[in-house]
């Protein structure tokens, strides 16, 4: 199903950033890649609240060519590098309000064999992390940074595919020494889903994967 830019904007601009980060769980992200169609269900997200958030790329009003997508309309893709890896945020809120949600983990749907080949991995480790799923999808550069969801190669289903049985809110991962922002619970996960990053085997629900 295709969605208009207006519909996409409404989804990413009509609630608080933390509410949208939680709401994104259970939605399908699809990439029409040169290798074929790849898709997965979002199982883990993190919210970043812009200029006031010491962990955000726009903290203090920082604005550069690289992080400009965060300042664009809700639903804009922001791809950035962490060492030799890439991560993807989606801009949240209206233009000029640089909030974002990091997509941290996806449960593969379509093209799992291609993802395994791209990652040279199999099983949950293929897409259970923000840089892992990006590489599994075959994204190797920042070409799509600044483009809109539902306006090109990346499609985001605005209706949930699956509903989590329970959502856990935890502190974000890799955010040390940021004062109160280190401990704020702005990471949202589908409890028990094995494609959530840093999930211990004892906490995995291998029957339902945490879905109703």
Protein backbone atom coordinates (compact mmCIF):
# COMPACT_ATOMS: atom_id res chain seq x y z
CA UNK A 1 0.00 0.00 0.00
CA UNK A 2 1.28 3.45 -0.85
CA UNK A 3 0.92 6.51 1.37
CA UNK A 4 1.04 10.20 0.55
CA UNK A 5 3.58 12.59 1.99
CA UNK A 6 0.75 14.31 3.88
CA UNK A 7 -0.25 11.03 5.52
CA UNK A 8 3.37 10.27 6.35
CA UNK A 9 3.94 13.73 7.83
CA UNK A 10 0.85 13.35 9.99
CA UNK A 11 2.11 10.07 11.46
CA UNK A 12 5.50 11.54 12.39
CA UNK A 13 4.32 14.99 13.48
CA UNK A 14 1.06 14.46 15.39
CA UNK A 15 2.29 13.05 18.73
CA UNK A 16 5.23 13.52 21.07
CA UNK A 17 8.54 12.07 19.93
CA UNK A 18 8.56 9.40 22.63
CA UNK A 19 4.99 8.41 21.76
CA UNK A 20 5.93 8.05 18.10
CA UNK A 21 9.03 6.03 18.98
CA UNK A 22 6.85 3.56 20.87
CA UNK A 23 4.16 3.59 18.19
CA UNK A 24 6.69 2.64 15.47
CA UNK A 25 7.08 -0.82 17.01
CA UNK A 26 5.21 -3.35 14.91
CA UNK A 27 5.31 -1.30 11.70
CA UNK A 28 6.93 -2.66 8.54
CA UNK A 29 9.90 -0.91 6.90
CA UNK A 30 10.56 -1.91 3.28
CA UNK A 31 13.52 -1.12 1.04
CA UNK A 32 13.31 -1.63 -2.72
CA UNK A 33 16.98 -2.51 -3.08
CA UNK A 34 19.01 -3.34 -6.19
CA UNK A 35 19.18 -6.89 -4.82
CA UNK A 36 15.42 -7.19 -4.42
CA UNK A 37 12.74 -6.17 -1.95
CA UNK A 38 13.82 -6.29 1.70
CA UNK A 39 11.51 -5.71 4.64
CA UNK A 40 11.30 -6.10 8.38
CA UNK A 41 9.11 -5.28 11.36
CA UNK A 42 10.50 -2.63 13.68
CA UNK A 43 11.12 -4.12 17.15
CA UNK A 44 13.34 -1.52 18.82
CA UNK A 45 13.58 2.29 18.72
CA UNK A 46 15.18 5.18 20.61
CA UNK A 47 13.85 8.73 20.87
CA UNK A 48 16.11 11.79 20.72
CA UNK A 49 14.61 15.11 21.76
CA UNK A 50 16.61 17.73 19.95
CA UNK A 51 18.39 20.80 21.35
CA UNK A 52 17.68 20.00 25.01
CA UNK A 53 18.79 16.36 24.74
CA UNK A 54 22.50 16.01 25.51
CA UNK A 55 22.64 12.76 23.51
CA UNK A 56 21.00 14.19 20.38
CA UNK A 57 22.97 15.21 17.29
CA UNK A 58 21.10 18.53 17.41
CA UNK A 59 21.91 19.22 21.08
CA UNK A 60 22.31 22.91 21.75
CA UNK A 61 20.85 23.74 18.34
CA UNK A 62 23.75 22.15 16.46
CA UNK A 63 22.89 22.31 12.75
CA UNK A 64 25.17 21.19 9.92
CA UNK A 65 24.86 19.85 6.41
CA UNK A 66 25.20 16.34 7.83
CA UNK A 67 22.39 16.52 10.39
CA UNK A 68 20.13 18.81 8.35
CA UNK A 69 17.63 15.97 7.70
CA UNK A 70 16.68 16.13 11.40
CA UNK A 71 15.46 19.68 10.79
CA UNK A 72 13.23 18.65 7.91
CA UNK A 73 9.60 17.52 7.91
CA UNK A 74 8.57 14.47 9.88
CA UNK A 75 9.40 11.25 8.06
CA UNK A 76 12.72 12.42 6.61
CA UNK A 77 15.52 9.83 6.66
CA UNK A 78 18.75 10.75 8.46
CA UNK A 79 21.69 8.39 7.92
CA UNK A 80 24.95 8.99 9.78
CA UNK A 81 28.17 7.16 10.45
CA UNK A 82 29.39 5.66 13.72
CA UNK A 83 32.99 4.64 13.12
CA UNK A 84 32.76 2.38 10.05
CA UNK A 85 29.04 1.68 10.50
CA UNK A 86 25.86 3.50 9.50
CA UNK A 87 22.71 4.15 11.54
CA UNK A 88 19.32 5.50 10.48
CA UNK A 89 17.09 7.99 12.30
CA UNK A 90 13.72 9.26 11.14
CA UNK A 91 13.01 12.95 11.74
CA UNK A 92 10.09 13.58 14.07
CA UNK A 93 7.95 16.73 14.40
CA UNK A 94 7.53 19.57 11.93
CA UNK A 95 10.33 21.25 9.99
CA UNK A 96 12.68 23.17 12.26
CA UNK A 97 12.19 20.92 15.31
CA UNK A 98 15.17 18.52 15.14
CA UNK A 99 13.86 15.48 16.98
CA UNK A 100 14.58 11.97 15.76
CA UNK A 101 13.91 8.30 16.34
CA UNK A 102 16.69 5.76 15.82
CA UNK A 103 15.55 2.43 14.39
CA UNK A 104 17.60 -0.02 16.44
CA UNK A 105 16.32 -3.44 15.42
CA UNK A 106 14.05 -5.15 12.87
CA UNK A 107 12.61 -8.63 12.56
CA UNK A 108 13.17 -9.76 8.94
CA UNK A 109 10.18 -10.47 6.72
CA UNK A 110 11.10 -10.37 3.03
CA UNK A 111 14.55 -11.13 1.66
CA UNK A 112 16.07 -12.82 4.72
CA UNK A 113 18.48 -14.80 2.51
CA UNK A 114 19.77 -11.55 1.00
CA UNK A 115 20.18 -10.01 4.45
CA UNK A 116 22.15 -13.03 5.65
CA UNK A 117 24.44 -12.78 2.64
CA UNK A 118 24.98 -9.05 3.11
CA UNK A 119 25.86 -9.52 6.77
CA UNK A 120 27.68 -12.84 6.38
CA UNK A 121 25.58 -13.87 9.38
CA UNK A 122 22.50 -15.96 10.07
CA UNK A 123 19.92 -16.01 12.82
CA UNK A 124 19.02 -13.15 15.11
CA UNK A 125 22.43 -11.50 14.80
CA UNK A 126 21.63 -10.48 11.22
CA UNK A 127 19.43 -7.51 12.16
CA UNK A 128 19.50 -7.15 15.97
CA UNK A 129 21.20 -3.77 16.07
CA UNK A 130 20.99 -0.36 14.36
CA UNK A 131 24.08 -0.79 12.18
CA UNK A 132 23.41 -4.50 11.64
CA UNK A 133 20.04 -4.14 9.95
CA UNK A 134 21.31 -1.25 7.83
CA UNK A 135 24.11 -3.42 6.48
CA UNK A 136 21.74 -6.39 6.12
CA UNK A 137 19.58 -4.17 3.90
CA UNK A 138 22.66 -3.44 1.77
CA UNK A 139 22.91 0.26 2.67
CA UNK A 140 26.60 1.16 2.43
CA UNK A 141 26.52 4.97 2.15
CA UNK A 142 24.42 8.03 3.02
CA UNK A 143 22.69 8.36 -0.36
CA UNK A 144 19.21 8.23 1.16
CA UNK A 145 19.88 10.74 3.93
CA UNK A 146 17.53 13.67 3.41
CA UNK A 147 14.96 11.69 1.42
CA UNK A 148 11.42 10.98 2.61
CA UNK A 149 9.86 7.75 3.69
CA UNK A 150 7.07 6.71 1.29
CA UNK A 151 8.49 8.92 -1.46
CA UNK A 152 11.22 6.69 -2.87
CA UNK A 153 12.98 3.43 -2.14
CA UNK A 154 11.99 3.27 1.55
CA UNK A 155 8.38 2.55 2.48
CA UNK A 156 6.98 2.73 6.00
CA UNK A 157 3.61 1.11 6.61
CA UNK A 158 1.53 3.60 8.59
CA UNK A 159 -0.59 0.82 10.07
CA UNK A 160 0.85 -1.76 12.44
CA UNK A 161 1.54 -5.19 11.03
CA UNK A 162 1.76 -6.71 14.51
CA UNK A 163 0.96 -5.52 18.02
CA UNK A 164 3.47 -6.05 20.84
CA UNK A 165 2.22 -8.06 23.77
CA UNK A 166 4.21 -5.71 25.99
CA UNK A 167 6.50 -2.76 25.33
CA UNK A 168 9.43 -2.12 27.64
CA UNK A 169 10.89 1.38 28.07
CA UNK A 170 14.56 1.46 29.10
CA UNK A 171 17.46 3.93 29.08
CA UNK A 172 19.10 4.30 25.68
CA UNK A 173 22.15 2.23 24.79
CA UNK A 174 25.58 3.85 24.44
CA UNK A 175 24.62 7.15 26.09
CA UNK A 176 27.08 7.54 29.00
CA UNK A 177 28.00 10.75 30.78
CA UNK A 178 24.99 12.76 29.58
CA UNK A 179 23.63 13.69 32.99
CA UNK A 180 19.94 13.02 33.44
CA UNK A 181 19.69 12.09 29.75
CA UNK A 182 21.72 8.93 30.33
CA UNK A 183 18.99 7.42 32.49
CA UNK A 184 15.86 8.70 30.76
CA UNK A 185 13.77 5.79 29.47
CA UNK A 186 13.60 6.63 25.78
CA UNK A 187 14.42 3.22 24.30
CA UNK A 188 11.40 1.12 23.42
CA UNK A 189 11.47 -2.61 22.70
CA UNK A 190 9.07 -5.44 21.96
CA UNK A 191 9.59 -7.48 25.11
CA UNK A 192 10.91 -10.95 24.29
CA UNK A 193 11.62 -10.30 20.62
CA UNK A 194 14.94 -11.98 19.73
CA UNK A 195 15.80 -9.29 17.16
CA UNK A 196 16.11 -6.64 19.89
CA UNK A 197 19.75 -5.65 20.35
CA UNK A 198 21.67 -6.97 23.35
CA UNK A 199 18.86 -9.41 24.18
CA UNK A 200 19.89 -12.28 26.44
CA UNK A 201 18.70 -15.70 25.33
CA UNK A 202 16.93 -16.19 28.66
CA UNK A 203 14.76 -13.16 27.91
CA UNK A 204 13.73 -14.25 24.39
CA UNK A 205 10.22 -15.45 23.68
CA UNK A 206 10.85 -17.92 20.86
CA UNK A 207 7.18 -18.88 20.61
CA UNK A 208 5.47 -15.58 19.87
CA UNK A 209 8.53 -13.29 19.50
CA UNK A 210 6.63 -10.95 21.82
CA UNK A 211 3.64 -10.32 19.52
CA UNK A 212 -0.04 -10.69 20.40
